[in-house]
Amino acid sequence: MNAKVEEIRLLLVKNQKRLAQELKQSKEAVRLIKKATHSSLNAEEKELIKIQLLDICKAIPALAVFLLPGGALLLPLLIKLIPDILPSAFQDDPKEDFQ
């Protein structure tokens, strides 16, 4: 029983870190979008915005599935079938999360 609790705790911590990373990236994208209203962006900044907007578009369907009745069970299966459904922060190497 303790092993299961510890495993759940580690998963929560890992996902908390990933969510914080995704929020940080979103804040950076908002900053760049604000900058784009009064000056032009370089190619790297445009690429960062593109990646972040794609991540947001990926997160919406994943969240919708999760909110469905039984979605917490369905989402992991969907991720196995379509691994690109999650934002980039959640697709990183899991080994990095514990270093």
C-alpha atoms as a PDB file:
ATOM      1  CA  MET A   1       0.000   0.000   0.000  1.00  0.00           C
ATOM      2  CA  ASN A   2       2.810   2.426   0.877  1.00  0.00           C
ATOM      3  CA  ALA A   3       4.469   1.781  -2.485  1.00  0.00           C
ATOM      4  CA  LYS A   4       1.279   2.784  -4.314  1.00  0.00           C
ATOM      5  CA  VAL A   5       0.942   5.978  -2.259  1.00  0.00           C
ATOM      6  CA  GLU A   6       4.562   6.859  -2.960  1.00  0.00           C
ATOM      7  CA  GLU A   7       4.086   6.173  -6.682  1.00  0.00           C
ATOM      8  CA  ILE A   8       1.023   8.436  -6.777  1.00  0.00           C
ATOM      9  CA  ARG A   9       2.898  11.141  -4.870  1.00  0.00           C
ATOM     10  CA  LEU A  10       5.793  10.984  -7.353  1.00  0.00           C
ATOM     11  CA  LEU A  11       3.385  11.211 -10.300  1.00  0.00           C
ATOM     12  CA  LEU A  12       1.710  14.251  -8.744  1.00  0.00           C
ATOM     13  CA  VAL A  13       5.052  15.978  -8.172  1.00  0.00           C
ATOM     14  CA  LYS A  14       6.192  15.152 -11.717  1.00  0.00           C
ATOM     15  CA  ASN A  15       3.001  16.518 -13.249  1.00  0.00           C
ATOM     16  CA  GLN A  16       3.121  19.580 -11.015  1.00  0.00           C
ATOM     17  CA  LYS A  17       6.599  20.364 -12.389  1.00  0.00           C
ATOM     18  CA  ARG A  18       5.411  19.804 -15.938  1.00  0.00           C
ATOM     19  CA  LEU A  19       2.393  22.045 -15.422  1.00  0.00           C
ATOM     20  CA  ALA A  20       4.621  24.770 -13.979  1.00  0.00           C
ATOM     21  CA  GLN A  21       6.873  24.464 -17.032  1.00  0.00           C
ATOM     22  CA  GLU A  22       3.876  24.736 -19.369  1.00  0.00           C
ATOM     23  CA  LEU A  23       2.616  27.835 -17.533  1.00  0.00           C
ATOM     24  CA  LYS A  24       6.064  29.427 -17.756  1.00  0.00           C
ATOM     25  CA  GLN A  25       6.123  28.787 -21.498  1.00  0.00           C
ATOM     26  CA  SER A  26       2.622  30.250 -21.858  1.00  0.00           C
ATOM     27  CA  LYS A  27       3.656  33.408 -20.007  1.00  0.00           C
ATOM     28  CA  GLU A  28       6.606  33.781 -22.361  1.00  0.00           C
ATOM     29  CA  ALA A  29       4.285  33.392 -25.358  1.00  0.00           C
ATOM     30  CA  VAL A  30       1.941  36.067 -23.976  1.00  0.00           C
ATOM     31  CA  ARG A  31       4.909  38.394 -23.514  1.00  0.00           C
ATOM     32  CA  LEU A  32       5.974  37.803 -27.104  1.00  0.00           C
ATOM     33  CA  ILE A  33       2.452  38.367 -28.421  1.00  0.00           C
ATOM     34  CA  LYS A  34       2.323  41.678 -26.556  1.00  0.00           C
ATOM     35  CA  LYS A  35       5.707  42.581 -28.036  1.00  0.00           C
ATOM     36  CA  ALA A  36       4.402  41.749 -31.524  1.00  0.00           C
ATOM     37  CA  THR A  37       1.715  44.432 -31.190  1.00  0.00           C
ATOM     38  CA  HIS A  38       4.294  47.228 -31.296  1.00  0.00           C
ATOM     39  CA  SER A  39       7.377  45.717 -32.940  1.00  0.00           C
ATOM     40  CA  SER A  40       8.298  42.850 -35.203  1.00  0.00           C
ATOM     41  CA  LEU A  41       9.473  39.504 -33.882  1.00  0.00           C
ATOM     42  CA  ASN A  42      12.513  37.605 -35.051  1.00  0.00           C
ATOM     43  CA  ALA A  43      12.237  34.067 -36.446  1.00  0.00           C
ATOM     44  CA  GLU A  44      13.060  32.419 -33.116  1.00  0.00           C
ATOM     45  CA  GLU A  45      10.357  34.384 -31.266  1.00  0.00           C
ATOM     46  CA  LYS A  46       7.806  33.538 -33.963  1.00  0.00           C
ATOM     47  CA  GLU A  47       8.700  29.853 -33.646  1.00  0.00           C
ATOM     48  CA  LEU A  48       8.272  29.993 -29.845  1.00  0.00           C
ATOM     49  CA  ILE A  49       4.794  31.476 -30.251  1.00  0.00           C
ATOM     50  CA  LYS A  50       3.884  28.860 -32.856  1.00  0.00           C
ATOM     51  CA  ILE A  51       5.000  25.995 -30.601  1.00  0.00           C
ATOM     52  CA  GLN A  52       3.148  27.385 -27.587  1.00  0.00           C
ATOM     53  CA  LEU A  53      -0.086  27.960 -29.518  1.00  0.00           C
ATOM     54  CA  LEU A  54       0.102  24.368 -30.776  1.00  0.00           C
ATOM     55  CA  ASP A  55       0.584  23.206 -27.171  1.00  0.00           C
ATOM     56  CA  ILE A  56      -2.525  25.123 -26.114  1.00  0.00           C
ATOM     57  CA  CYS A  57      -4.484  23.555 -28.967  1.00  0.00           C
ATOM     58  CA  LYS A  58      -3.302  20.105 -27.848  1.00  0.00           C
ATOM     59  CA  ALA A  59      -4.189  20.722 -24.205  1.00  0.00           C
ATOM     60  CA  ILE A  60      -7.838  21.581 -24.884  1.00  0.00           C
ATOM     61  CA  PRO A  61      -8.864  18.131 -26.256  1.00  0.00           C
ATOM     62  CA  ALA A  62      -6.856  16.348 -23.541  1.00  0.00           C
ATOM     63  CA  LEU A  63      -8.607  18.406 -20.868  1.00  0.00           C
ATOM     64  CA  ALA A  64     -12.002  17.746 -22.461  1.00  0.00           C
ATOM     65  CA  VAL A  65     -11.373  13.981 -22.433  1.00  0.00           C
ATOM     66  CA  PHE A  66     -10.163  14.139 -18.822  1.00  0.00           C
ATOM     67  CA  LEU A  67     -13.323  15.962 -17.723  1.00  0.00           C
ATOM     68  CA  LEU A  68     -15.636  13.344 -19.260  1.00  0.00           C
ATOM     69  CA  PRO A  69     -17.054  10.676 -16.951  1.00  0.00           C
ATOM     70  CA  GLY A  70     -14.354   8.002 -16.928  1.00  0.00           C
ATOM     71  CA  GLY A  71     -11.973  10.373 -18.672  1.00  0.00           C
ATOM     72  CA  ALA A  72      -9.248   9.806 -16.104  1.00  0.00           C
ATOM     73  CA  LEU A  73      -9.201   6.186 -17.285  1.00  0.00           C
ATOM     74  CA  LEU A  74      -9.661   7.000 -20.965  1.00  0.00           C
ATOM     75  CA  LEU A  75      -6.942   9.667 -21.232  1.00  0.00           C
ATOM     76  CA  PRO A  76      -3.990   7.297 -20.590  1.00  0.00           C
ATOM     77  CA  LEU A  77      -5.331   4.955 -23.281  1.00  0.00           C
ATOM     78  CA  LEU A  78      -5.743   7.850 -25.681  1.00  0.00           C
ATOM     79  CA  ILE A  79      -2.183   8.982 -24.931  1.00  0.00           C
ATOM     80  CA  LYS A  80      -0.902   5.496 -25.797  1.00  0.00           C
ATOM     81  CA  LEU A  81      -2.713   5.656 -29.150  1.00  0.00           C
ATOM     82  CA  ILE A  82      -1.961   9.331 -29.900  1.00  0.00           C
ATOM     83  CA  PRO A  83       1.184  10.353 -27.984  1.00  0.00           C
ATOM     84  CA  ASP A  84       1.241  13.832 -29.548  1.00  0.00           C
ATOM     85  CA  ILE A  85      -2.041  14.803 -27.870  1.00  0.00           C
ATOM     86  CA  LEU A  86      -0.220  16.225 -24.847  1.00  0.00           C
ATOM     87  CA  PRO A  87       1.600  19.586 -24.737  1.00  0.00           C
ATOM     88  CA  SER A  88       5.379  19.472 -25.144  1.00  0.00           C
ATOM     89  CA  ALA A  89       6.058  19.958 -21.425  1.00  0.00           C
ATOM     90  CA  PHE A  90       4.315  16.646 -20.760  1.00  0.00           C
ATOM     91  CA  GLN A  91       6.220  14.776 -23.488  1.00  0.00           C
ATOM     92  CA  ASP A  92       9.721  15.268 -22.078  1.00  0.00           C
ATOM     93  CA  ASP A  93      11.878  12.387 -20.971  1.00  0.00           C
ATOM     94  CA  PRO A  94      10.451  11.169 -17.638  1.00  0.00           C
ATOM     95  CA  LYS A  95      14.000  10.563 -16.331  1.00  0.00           C
ATOM     96  CA  GLU A  96      14.590  14.340 -16.311  1.00  0.00           C
ATOM     97  CA  ASP A  97      11.743  14.885 -13.855  1.00  0.00           C
ATOM     98  CA  PHE A  98      13.555  13.250 -10.964  1.00  0.00           C
ATOM     99  CA  GLN A  99      16.956  14.867 -11.375  1.00  0.00           C
END
